[in-house]
Amino acid sequence: MKNISPALVASLKTLGLFDSEAKVYSALVLYKYAEAKDLVEMLDISKPSIYESLRTLEERGLVVETNSKPLVYQAIPPEIAVRLLADVYVKAAEEALRGLHALEKENRQEKSARALWSIYGNATVGYKIDDMIDHAEQSIYCMASDRYVRHLERAAGKGVKVTLMVMSDDGTLEGRLKKTFEKDDATIYVMSAKEMIDAFSAGEMGNTNKVTPFKEAMGVLDHRSAFMLITDDREFLYVPPIAGDEISALNTTNQAFIMSSKFIFSPWSMKKAPDSKPRKK
């Protein structure tokens, strides 16, 4: 049926309906009410499938009978139907989370300290960043571009020591971060991309002959993707500055890796470029 778009059917399937159920409900919304035989003709779906779909839709409370002889079916209002379908998923998610947390408490095995884990995808990496910040108990050490600011702001008010070094050309960002972390033990640095490259070059390249080619190499990277986070000196997350639609990250709890990374990056964040000014809150 041309009136029922594939996108609509796909959305209803995502909410938990089978293909035939999604089409039957949509047809009833379109025609207000119909008999089973009418739905067979409209949708070109077998009669047994139509009856089975009507039965399950009735059980879900999405369809009601309005007449007994012959049986006439009517869809409940779409707003209510979508809410009912969504509530099922929300309740299932809550129940699953309770069960998984129970398993964690019952047999919690620490992640191998030798492992270096790979995380792929913007959403997945974002969830990991939020999780690390939310569970930090003592300290948060982070270097990032301003694309991650909404994640970093979650650290405000946690009562942990916060060190942030943010790369941005946004002149308003400094004021926003100062206000956000005004009640925290926070050290905040805001630098432009050029200042950051200059600071890192000065900190890492002792031989001045190597500085120019090093800065040229740094200049071709996608600094908007760059991100490094250490929480409680126990867990490390790094997003390399590589261009692409989806970002990927490396994650580890290996102490040697964490301490060496912090040693390498500390001079970069703490060494001011000529015009950069660290802000100690």
C-alpha atoms as a PDB file:
ATOM      1  CA  MET A   1       0.000   0.000   0.000  1.00  0.00           C
ATOM      2  CA  LYS A   2       1.592   3.223  -1.192  1.00  0.00           C
ATOM      3  CA  ASN A   3       0.103   5.338   1.608  1.00  0.00           C
ATOM      4  CA  ILE A   4       2.068   3.359   4.208  1.00  0.00           C
ATOM      5  CA  SER A   5       5.705   4.310   3.767  1.00  0.00           C
ATOM      6  CA  PRO A   6       8.578   1.877   4.360  1.00  0.00           C
ATOM      7  CA  ALA A   7      10.031   4.397   6.821  1.00  0.00           C
ATOM      8  CA  LEU A   8       6.864   4.263   8.933  1.00  0.00           C
ATOM      9  CA  VAL A   9       6.872   0.462   8.934  1.00  0.00           C
ATOM     10  CA  ALA A  10      10.567   0.429   9.846  1.00  0.00           C
ATOM     11  CA  SER A  11       9.962   2.813  12.764  1.00  0.00           C
ATOM     12  CA  LEU A  12       7.151   0.660  14.136  1.00  0.00           C
ATOM     13  CA  LYS A  13       9.322  -2.438  13.768  1.00  0.00           C
ATOM     14  CA  THR A  14      12.049  -0.697  15.762  1.00  0.00           C
ATOM     15  CA  LEU A  15       9.454  -0.150  18.481  1.00  0.00           C
ATOM     16  CA  GLY A  16       8.793  -3.874  18.595  1.00  0.00           C
ATOM     17  CA  LEU A  17       6.120  -4.694  16.004  1.00  0.00           C
ATOM     18  CA  PHE A  18       6.551  -7.321  13.316  1.00  0.00           C
ATOM     19  CA  ASP A  19       6.264  -6.264   9.694  1.00  0.00           C
ATOM     20  CA  SER A  20       2.662  -7.431   9.251  1.00  0.00           C
ATOM     21  CA  GLU A  21       1.624  -5.927  12.608  1.00  0.00           C
ATOM     22  CA  ALA A  22       3.098  -2.561  11.645  1.00  0.00           C
ATOM     23  CA  LYS A  23       1.226  -2.589   8.337  1.00  0.00           C
ATOM     24  CA  VAL A  24      -2.082  -3.690   9.881  1.00  0.00           C
ATOM     25  CA  TYR A  25      -1.932  -0.994  12.582  1.00  0.00           C
ATOM     26  CA  SER A  26      -0.996   1.655  10.002  1.00  0.00           C
ATOM     27  CA  ALA A  27      -3.845   0.608   7.729  1.00  0.00           C
ATOM     28  CA  LEU A  28      -6.335   0.862  10.594  1.00  0.00           C
ATOM     29  CA  VAL A  29      -5.057   4.360  11.388  1.00  0.00           C
ATOM     30  CA  LEU A  30      -5.490   5.281   7.724  1.00  0.00           C
ATOM     31  CA  TYR A  31      -9.009   3.852   7.314  1.00  0.00           C
ATOM     32  CA  LYS A  32     -10.248   4.405  10.916  1.00  0.00           C
ATOM     33  CA  TYR A  33     -11.736   0.883  11.066  1.00  0.00           C
ATOM     34  CA  ALA A  34     -11.850  -2.254   8.914  1.00  0.00           C
ATOM     35  CA  GLU A  35     -12.739  -5.934   8.836  1.00  0.00           C
ATOM     36  CA  ALA A  36     -10.077  -8.595   8.523  1.00  0.00           C
ATOM     37  CA  LYS A  37     -11.084  -9.336   4.922  1.00  0.00           C
ATOM     38  CA  ASP A  38     -10.663  -5.654   4.056  1.00  0.00           C
ATOM     39  CA  LEU A  39      -7.136  -5.683   5.488  1.00  0.00           C
ATOM     40  CA  VAL A  40      -6.268  -8.772   3.404  1.00  0.00           C
ATOM     41  CA  GLU A  41      -7.266  -6.904   0.261  1.00  0.00           C
ATOM     42  CA  MET A  42      -5.617  -3.624   1.268  1.00  0.00           C
ATOM     43  CA  LEU A  43      -2.280  -5.048   2.338  1.00  0.00           C
ATOM     44  CA  ASP A  44      -1.917  -8.150   0.158  1.00  0.00           C
ATOM     45  CA  ILE A  45      -1.054 -10.167   3.269  1.00  0.00           C
ATOM     46  CA  SER A  46      -2.330 -13.708   3.848  1.00  0.00           C
ATOM     47  CA  LYS A  47      -5.501 -14.116   5.895  1.00  0.00           C
ATOM     48  CA  PRO A  48      -3.791 -16.138   8.693  1.00  0.00           C
ATOM     49  CA  SER A  49      -1.127 -13.427   9.035  1.00  0.00           C
ATOM     50  CA  ILE A  50      -3.792 -10.716   9.240  1.00  0.00           C
ATOM     51  CA  TYR A  51      -5.681 -12.548  12.001  1.00  0.00           C
ATOM     52  CA  GLU A  52      -2.480 -13.290  13.916  1.00  0.00           C
ATOM     53  CA  SER A  53      -1.439  -9.629  13.649  1.00  0.00           C
ATOM     54  CA  LEU A  54      -4.839  -8.441  14.858  1.00  0.00           C
ATOM     55  CA  ARG A  55      -4.673 -10.864  17.794  1.00  0.00           C
ATOM     56  CA  THR A  56      -1.236  -9.671  18.941  1.00  0.00           C
ATOM     57  CA  LEU A  57      -2.139  -6.004  18.387  1.00  0.00           C
ATOM     58  CA  GLU A  58      -5.221  -6.518  20.570  1.00  0.00           C
ATOM     59  CA  GLU A  59      -3.067  -8.122  23.268  1.00  0.00           C
ATOM     60  CA  ARG A  60      -0.755  -5.121  23.178  1.00  0.00           C
ATOM     61  CA  GLY A  61      -3.747  -2.791  23.486  1.00  0.00           C
ATOM     62  CA  LEU A  62      -3.106  -1.135  20.127  1.00  0.00           C
ATOM     63  CA  VAL A  63      -6.276  -2.373  18.414  1.00  0.00           C
ATOM     64  CA  VAL A  64      -9.842  -2.810  19.702  1.00  0.00           C
ATOM     65  CA  GLU A  65     -12.940  -4.546  18.366  1.00  0.00           C
ATOM     66  CA  THR A  66     -15.813  -2.132  17.702  1.00  0.00           C
ATOM     67  CA  ASN A  67     -18.385  -4.595  16.347  1.00  0.00           C
ATOM     68  CA  SER A  68     -18.922  -8.325  16.801  1.00  0.00           C
ATOM     69  CA  LYS A  69     -20.912  -9.310  13.690  1.00  0.00           C
ATOM     70  CA  PRO A  70     -18.943  -8.938  11.554  1.00  0.00           C
ATOM     71  CA  LEU A  71     -15.778  -8.225  13.572  1.00  0.00           C
ATOM     72  CA  VAL A  72     -14.613  -4.678  12.912  1.00  0.00           C
ATOM     73  CA  TYR A  73     -11.273  -3.452  14.205  1.00  0.00           C
ATOM     74  CA  GLN A  74     -10.133   0.056  15.107  1.00  0.00           C
ATOM     75  CA  ALA A  75      -6.697   1.417  16.000  1.00  0.00           C
ATOM     76  CA  ILE A  76      -6.194   3.356  19.212  1.00  0.00           C
ATOM     77  CA  PRO A  77      -4.849   6.922  18.745  1.00  0.00           C
ATOM     78  CA  PRO A  78      -1.218   6.947  17.484  1.00  0.00           C
ATOM     79  CA  GLU A  79       0.006   9.069  20.424  1.00  0.00           C
ATOM     80  CA  ILE A  80      -1.168   6.463  22.906  1.00  0.00           C
ATOM     81  CA  ALA A  81       0.044   3.556  20.777  1.00  0.00           C
ATOM     82  CA  VAL A  82       3.580   4.916  20.451  1.00  0.00           C
ATOM     83  CA  ARG A  83       3.694   5.664  24.176  1.00  0.00           C
ATOM     84  CA  LEU A  84       2.641   2.100  24.975  1.00  0.00           C
ATOM     85  CA  LEU A  85       5.297   0.662  22.674  1.00  0.00           C
ATOM     86  CA  ALA A  86       8.000   2.957  24.031  1.00  0.00           C
ATOM     87  CA  ASP A  87       7.086   2.146  27.652  1.00  0.00           C
ATOM     88  CA  VAL A  88       7.708  -1.538  26.968  1.00  0.00           C
ATOM     89  CA  TYR A  89      11.255  -0.749  25.840  1.00  0.00           C
ATOM     90  CA  VAL A  90      11.921   1.601  28.762  1.00  0.00           C
ATOM     91  CA  LYS A  91      10.746  -0.983  31.304  1.00  0.00           C
ATOM     92  CA  ALA A  92      12.773  -3.707  29.587  1.00  0.00           C
ATOM     93  CA  ALA A  93      15.875  -1.495  29.622  1.00  0.00           C
ATOM     94  CA  GLU A  94      15.430  -0.736  33.324  1.00  0.00           C
ATOM     95  CA  GLU A  95      14.960  -4.407  34.168  1.00  0.00           C
ATOM     96  CA  ALA A  96      17.974  -5.405  32.082  1.00  0.00           C
ATOM     97  CA  LEU A  97      20.113  -2.757  33.780  1.00  0.00           C
ATOM     98  CA  ARG A  98      19.089  -3.984  37.229  1.00  0.00           C
ATOM     99  CA  GLY A  99      19.951  -7.542  36.269  1.00  0.00           C
ATOM    100  CA  LEU A 100      23.305  -6.593  34.780  1.00  0.00           C
ATOM    101  CA  HIS A 101      24.239  -4.511  37.818  1.00  0.00           C
ATOM    102  CA  ALA A 102      23.389  -7.484  40.010  1.00  0.00           C
ATOM    103  CA  LEU A 103      25.761  -9.631  37.969  1.00  0.00           C
ATOM    104  CA  GLU A 104      28.477  -6.999  38.292  1.00  0.00           C
ATOM    105  CA  LYS A 105      28.187  -7.018  42.077  1.00  0.00           C
ATOM    106  CA  GLU A 106      28.067 -10.810  42.223  1.00  0.00           C
ATOM    107  CA  ASN A 107      31.205 -11.448  40.214  1.00  0.00           C
ATOM    108  CA  ARG A 108      33.117  -8.330  39.346  1.00  0.00           C
ATOM    109  CA  GLN A 109      36.397  -9.126  37.631  1.00  0.00           C
ATOM    110  CA  GLU A 110      38.826  -6.301  37.067  1.00  0.00           C
ATOM    111  CA  LYS A 111      39.745  -5.494  33.511  1.00  0.00           C
ATOM    112  CA  SER A 112      43.133  -6.921  32.609  1.00  0.00           C
ATOM    113  CA  ALA A 113      45.763  -4.304  33.367  1.00  0.00           C
ATOM    114  CA  ARG A 114      47.744  -5.477  30.361  1.00  0.00           C
ATOM    115  CA  ALA A 115      44.927  -5.039  27.881  1.00  0.00           C
ATOM    116  CA  LEU A 116      44.609  -2.161  25.433  1.00  0.00           C
ATOM    117  CA  TRP A 117      40.998  -1.959  24.326  1.00  0.00           C
ATOM    118  CA  SER A 118      39.679  -0.396  21.130  1.00  0.00           C
ATOM    119  CA  ILE A 119      36.380   1.500  21.090  1.00  0.00           C
ATOM    120  CA  TYR A 120      34.759   2.538  17.814  1.00  0.00           C
ATOM    121  CA  GLY A 121      32.002   4.988  16.928  1.00  0.00           C
ATOM    122  CA  ASN A 122      31.046   8.512  17.997  1.00  0.00           C
ATOM    123  CA  ALA A 123      28.203   7.393  20.264  1.00  0.00           C
ATOM    124  CA  THR A 124      30.155   4.546  21.884  1.00  0.00           C
ATOM    125  CA  VAL A 125      33.192   6.733  22.571  1.00  0.00           C
ATOM    126  CA  GLY A 126      30.911   9.458  23.936  1.00  0.00           C
ATOM    127  CA  TYR A 127      29.275   7.007  26.329  1.00  0.00           C
ATOM    128  CA  LYS A 128      32.711   5.848  27.503  1.00  0.00           C
ATOM    129  CA  ILE A 129      33.858   9.420  28.155  1.00  0.00           C
ATOM    130  CA  ASP A 130      30.727  10.123  30.192  1.00  0.00           C
ATOM    131  CA  ASP A 131      31.114   6.870  32.121  1.00  0.00           C
ATOM    132  CA  MET A 132      34.733   7.589  33.069  1.00  0.00           C
ATOM    133  CA  ILE A 133      33.935  11.141  34.181  1.00  0.00           C
ATOM    134  CA  ASP A 134      30.842  10.064  36.117  1.00  0.00           C
ATOM    135  CA  HIS A 135      32.792   7.395  38.028  1.00  0.00           C
ATOM    136  CA  ALA A 136      35.892   9.497  38.784  1.00  0.00           C
ATOM    137  CA  GLU A 137      36.464   9.729  42.556  1.00  0.00           C
ATOM    138  CA  GLN A 138      39.696  11.699  42.932  1.00  0.00           C
ATOM    139  CA  SER A 139      40.970  13.324  39.768  1.00  0.00           C
ATOM    140  CA  ILE A 140      40.201  14.067  36.139  1.00  0.00           C
ATOM    141  CA  TYR A 141      43.008  14.974  33.766  1.00  0.00           C
ATOM    142  CA  CYS A 142      41.918  15.815  30.239  1.00  0.00           C
ATOM    143  CA  MET A 143      43.213  17.363  27.037  1.00  0.00           C
ATOM    144  CA  ALA A 144      40.651  17.841  24.300  1.00  0.00           C
ATOM    145  CA  SER A 145      39.276  19.974  21.518  1.00  0.00           C
ATOM    146  CA  ASP A 146      36.164  22.022  22.186  1.00  0.00           C
ATOM    147  CA  ARG A 147      33.951  19.435  20.475  1.00  0.00           C
ATOM    148  CA  TYR A 148      34.075  17.493  23.769  1.00  0.00           C
ATOM    149  CA  VAL A 149      33.130  20.381  26.073  1.00  0.00           C
ATOM    150  CA  ARG A 150      29.640  19.035  26.796  1.00  0.00           C
ATOM    151  CA  HIS A 151      31.283  15.860  28.121  1.00  0.00           C
ATOM    152  CA  LEU A 152      33.849  17.766  30.175  1.00  0.00           C
ATOM    153  CA  GLU A 153      31.195  19.895  31.850  1.00  0.00           C
ATOM    154  CA  ARG A 154      29.896  16.737  33.529  1.00  0.00           C
ATOM    155  CA  ALA A 155      32.959  16.929  35.787  1.00  0.00           C
ATOM    156  CA  ALA A 156      31.726  20.122  37.450  1.00  0.00           C
ATOM    157  CA  GLY A 157      30.526  19.770  41.015  1.00  0.00           C
ATOM    158  CA  LYS A 158      31.903  16.254  41.527  1.00  0.00           C
ATOM    159  CA  GLY A 159      34.332  17.271  44.260  1.00  0.00           C
ATOM    160  CA  VAL A 160      37.353  15.882  42.401  1.00  0.00           C
ATOM    161  CA  LYS A 161      40.514  17.620  41.243  1.00  0.00           C
ATOM    162  CA  VAL A 162      40.091  18.661  37.610  1.00  0.00           C
ATOM    163  CA  THR A 163      42.792  19.593  35.100  1.00  0.00           C
ATOM    164  CA  LEU A 164      41.486  20.601  31.690  1.00  0.00           C
ATOM    165  CA  MET A 165      43.411  21.716  28.658  1.00  0.00           C
ATOM    166  CA  VAL A 166      41.023  22.646  25.853  1.00  0.00           C
ATOM    167  CA  MET A 167      41.892  23.622  22.295  1.00  0.00           C
ATOM    168  CA  SER A 168      39.501  26.245  20.966  1.00  0.00           C
ATOM    169  CA  ASP A 169      39.307  29.457  18.977  1.00  0.00           C
ATOM    170  CA  ASP A 170      35.999  30.315  20.666  1.00  0.00           C
ATOM    171  CA  GLY A 171      36.535  33.483  22.647  1.00  0.00           C
ATOM    172  CA  THR A 172      33.539  32.789  24.876  1.00  0.00           C
ATOM    173  CA  LEU A 173      34.641  29.332  25.993  1.00  0.00           C
ATOM    174  CA  GLU A 174      37.000  30.543  28.718  1.00  0.00           C
ATOM    175  CA  GLY A 175      34.257  32.461  30.486  1.00  0.00           C
ATOM    176  CA  ARG A 176      31.852  29.530  30.292  1.00  0.00           C
ATOM    177  CA  LEU A 177      34.377  27.067  31.710  1.00  0.00           C
ATOM    178  CA  LYS A 178      35.354  29.475  34.486  1.00  0.00           C
ATOM    179  CA  LYS A 179      31.725  29.819  35.494  1.00  0.00           C
ATOM    180  CA  THR A 180      31.042  26.084  35.196  1.00  0.00           C
ATOM    181  CA  PHE A 181      33.991  25.114  37.416  1.00  0.00           C
ATOM    182  CA  GLU A 182      34.001  28.108  39.759  1.00  0.00           C
ATOM    183  CA  LYS A 183      33.273  25.915  42.808  1.00  0.00           C
ATOM    184  CA  ASP A 184      35.754  23.170  41.882  1.00  0.00           C
ATOM    185  CA  ASP A 185      39.450  22.563  42.429  1.00  0.00           C
ATOM    186  CA  ALA A 186      40.089  23.065  38.722  1.00  0.00           C
ATOM    187  CA  THR A 187      43.040  24.143  36.629  1.00  0.00           C
ATOM    188  CA  ILE A 188      41.911  25.235  33.189  1.00  0.00           C
ATOM    189  CA  TYR A 189      43.924  26.014  30.073  1.00  0.00           C
ATOM    190  CA  VAL A 190      42.342  27.265  26.844  1.00  0.00           C
ATOM    191  CA  MET A 191      44.570  27.430  23.769  1.00  0.00           C
ATOM    192  CA  SER A 192      44.119  27.823  20.056  1.00  0.00           C
ATOM    193  CA  ALA A 193      45.312  25.035  17.774  1.00  0.00           C
ATOM    194  CA  LYS A 194      48.443  27.028  16.940  1.00  0.00           C
ATOM    195  CA  GLU A 195      49.245  27.704  20.596  1.00  0.00           C
ATOM    196  CA  MET A 196      48.803  24.071  21.448  1.00  0.00           C
ATOM    197  CA  ILE A 197      51.131  22.913  18.669  1.00  0.00           C
ATOM    198  CA  ASP A 198      53.706  25.528  19.704  1.00  0.00           C
ATOM    199  CA  ALA A 199      53.531  24.415  23.338  1.00  0.00           C
ATOM    200  CA  PHE A 200      53.864  20.746  22.495  1.00  0.00           C
ATOM    201  CA  SER A 201      56.707  21.400  20.069  1.00  0.00           C
ATOM    202  CA  ALA A 202      58.609  23.415  22.669  1.00  0.00           C
ATOM    203  CA  GLY A 203      58.057  20.780  25.324  1.00  0.00           C
ATOM    204  CA  GLU A 204      58.922  17.731  23.272  1.00  0.00           C
ATOM    205  CA  MET A 205      61.552  18.831  20.747  1.00  0.00           C
ATOM    206  CA  GLY A 206      64.800  19.725  22.423  1.00  0.00           C
ATOM    207  CA  ASN A 207      66.584  20.137  19.088  1.00  0.00           C
ATOM    208  CA  THR A 208      65.294  23.360  17.516  1.00  0.00           C
ATOM    209  CA  ASN A 209      66.166  22.026  14.038  1.00  0.00           C
ATOM    210  CA  LYS A 210      63.422  19.452  14.473  1.00  0.00           C
ATOM    211  CA  VAL A 211      60.727  21.856  15.624  1.00  0.00           C
ATOM    212  CA  THR A 212      59.616  23.126  12.209  1.00  0.00           C
ATOM    213  CA  PRO A 213      59.081  19.726  10.549  1.00  0.00           C
ATOM    214  CA  PHE A 214      57.451  18.491  13.746  1.00  0.00           C
ATOM    215  CA  LYS A 215      55.010  21.415  13.722  1.00  0.00           C
ATOM    216  CA  GLU A 216      54.293  20.821  10.043  1.00  0.00           C
ATOM    217  CA  ALA A 217      53.443  17.201  10.795  1.00  0.00           C
ATOM    218  CA  MET A 218      51.203  18.269  13.673  1.00  0.00           C
ATOM    219  CA  GLY A 219      49.492  20.787  11.408  1.00  0.00           C
ATOM    220  CA  VAL A 220      48.021  18.155   9.066  1.00  0.00           C
ATOM    221  CA  LEU A 221      46.253  16.260  11.860  1.00  0.00           C
ATOM    222  CA  ASP A 222      42.552  16.649  12.633  1.00  0.00           C
ATOM    223  CA  HIS A 223      42.788  18.400  15.997  1.00  0.00           C
ATOM    224  CA  ARG A 224      39.003  18.546  16.316  1.00  0.00           C
ATOM    225  CA  SER A 225      39.060  14.813  17.045  1.00  0.00           C
ATOM    226  CA  ALA A 226      41.913  14.892  19.564  1.00  0.00           C
ATOM    227  CA  PHE A 227      41.046  13.750  23.083  1.00  0.00           C
ATOM    228  CA  MET A 228      42.926  12.320  26.058  1.00  0.00           C
ATOM    229  CA  LEU A 229      41.405  11.499  29.445  1.00  0.00           C
ATOM    230  CA  ILE A 230      42.882  10.013  32.629  1.00  0.00           C
ATOM    231  CA  THR A 231      40.652   9.460  35.661  1.00  0.00           C
ATOM    232  CA  ASP A 232      41.972   8.747  39.157  1.00  0.00           C
ATOM    233  CA  ASP A 233      45.322   7.852  37.546  1.00  0.00           C
ATOM    234  CA  ARG A 234      43.691   4.455  36.950  1.00  0.00           C
ATOM    235  CA  GLU A 235      42.072   4.555  33.525  1.00  0.00           C
ATOM    236  CA  PHE A 236      43.157   6.080  30.233  1.00  0.00           C
ATOM    237  CA  LEU A 237      41.187   6.952  27.081  1.00  0.00           C
ATOM    238  CA  TYR A 238      42.730   8.382  23.923  1.00  0.00           C
ATOM    239  CA  VAL A 239      41.156   9.496  20.649  1.00  0.00           C
ATOM    240  CA  PRO A 240      43.839  10.109  18.011  1.00  0.00           C
ATOM    241  CA  PRO A 241      43.561  13.240  15.857  1.00  0.00           C
ATOM    242  CA  ILE A 242      42.621  11.357  12.697  1.00  0.00           C
ATOM    243  CA  ALA A 243      40.028  12.692  10.257  1.00  0.00           C
ATOM    244  CA  GLY A 244      36.909  10.627   9.635  1.00  0.00           C
ATOM    245  CA  ASP A 245      33.151  10.528  10.075  1.00  0.00           C
ATOM    246  CA  GLU A 246      33.460   8.171  13.060  1.00  0.00           C
ATOM    247  CA  ILE A 247      36.073   8.413  15.793  1.00  0.00           C
ATOM    248  CA  SER A 248      37.821   5.526  17.543  1.00  0.00           C
ATOM    249  CA  ALA A 249      39.579   5.383  20.904  1.00  0.00           C
ATOM    250  CA  LEU A 250      42.104   3.357  22.865  1.00  0.00           C
ATOM    251  CA  ASN A 251      41.286   2.461  26.466  1.00  0.00           C
ATOM    252  CA  THR A 252      43.428   0.826  29.152  1.00  0.00           C
ATOM    253  CA  THR A 253      43.994   0.515  32.902  1.00  0.00           C
ATOM    254  CA  ASN A 254      47.648  -0.390  32.481  1.00  0.00           C
ATOM    255  CA  GLN A 255      49.518   1.747  35.019  1.00  0.00           C
ATOM    256  CA  ALA A 256      52.779   1.919  33.093  1.00  0.00           C
ATOM    257  CA  PHE A 257      50.927   3.104  30.011  1.00  0.00           C
ATOM    258  CA  ILE A 258      48.938   5.680  32.010  1.00  0.00           C
ATOM    259  CA  MET A 259      51.919   7.154  33.822  1.00  0.00           C
ATOM    260  CA  SER A 260      54.065   7.337  30.702  1.00  0.00           C
ATOM    261  CA  SER A 261      51.244   9.014  28.784  1.00  0.00           C
ATOM    262  CA  LYS A 262      50.725  11.536  31.553  1.00  0.00           C
ATOM    263  CA  PHE A 263      54.473  12.201  31.658  1.00  0.00           C
ATOM    264  CA  ILE A 264      54.555  12.785  27.906  1.00  0.00           C
ATOM    265  CA  PHE A 265      51.528  15.043  27.786  1.00  0.00           C
ATOM    266  CA  SER A 266      52.081  16.988  31.024  1.00  0.00           C
ATOM    267  CA  PRO A 267      54.778  19.288  29.593  1.00  0.00           C
ATOM    268  CA  TRP A 268      52.425  19.990  26.686  1.00  0.00           C
ATOM    269  CA  SER A 269      49.558  21.119  28.895  1.00  0.00           C
ATOM    270  CA  MET A 270      51.620  22.833  31.539  1.00  0.00           C
ATOM    271  CA  LYS A 271      54.081  24.663  29.303  1.00  0.00           C
ATOM    272  CA  LYS A 272      52.461  27.868  28.135  1.00  0.00           C
ATOM    273  CA  ALA A 273      52.704  28.984  24.557  1.00  0.00           C
ATOM    274  CA  PRO A 274      53.872  32.633  24.309  1.00  0.00           C
ATOM    275  CA  ASP A 275      50.409  34.199  24.643  1.00  0.00           C
ATOM    276  CA  SER A 276      48.456  31.466  26.458  1.00  0.00           C
ATOM    277  CA  LYS A 277      47.363  31.973  30.044  1.00  0.00           C
ATOM    278  CA  PRO A 278      46.490  29.138  32.422  1.00  0.00           C
ATOM    279  CA  ARG A 279      43.569  29.818  34.719  1.00  0.00           C
ATOM    280  CA  LYS A 280      43.739  28.385  38.235  1.00  0.00           C
ATOM    281  CA  LYS A 281      40.314  28.246  39.877  1.00  0.00           C
END
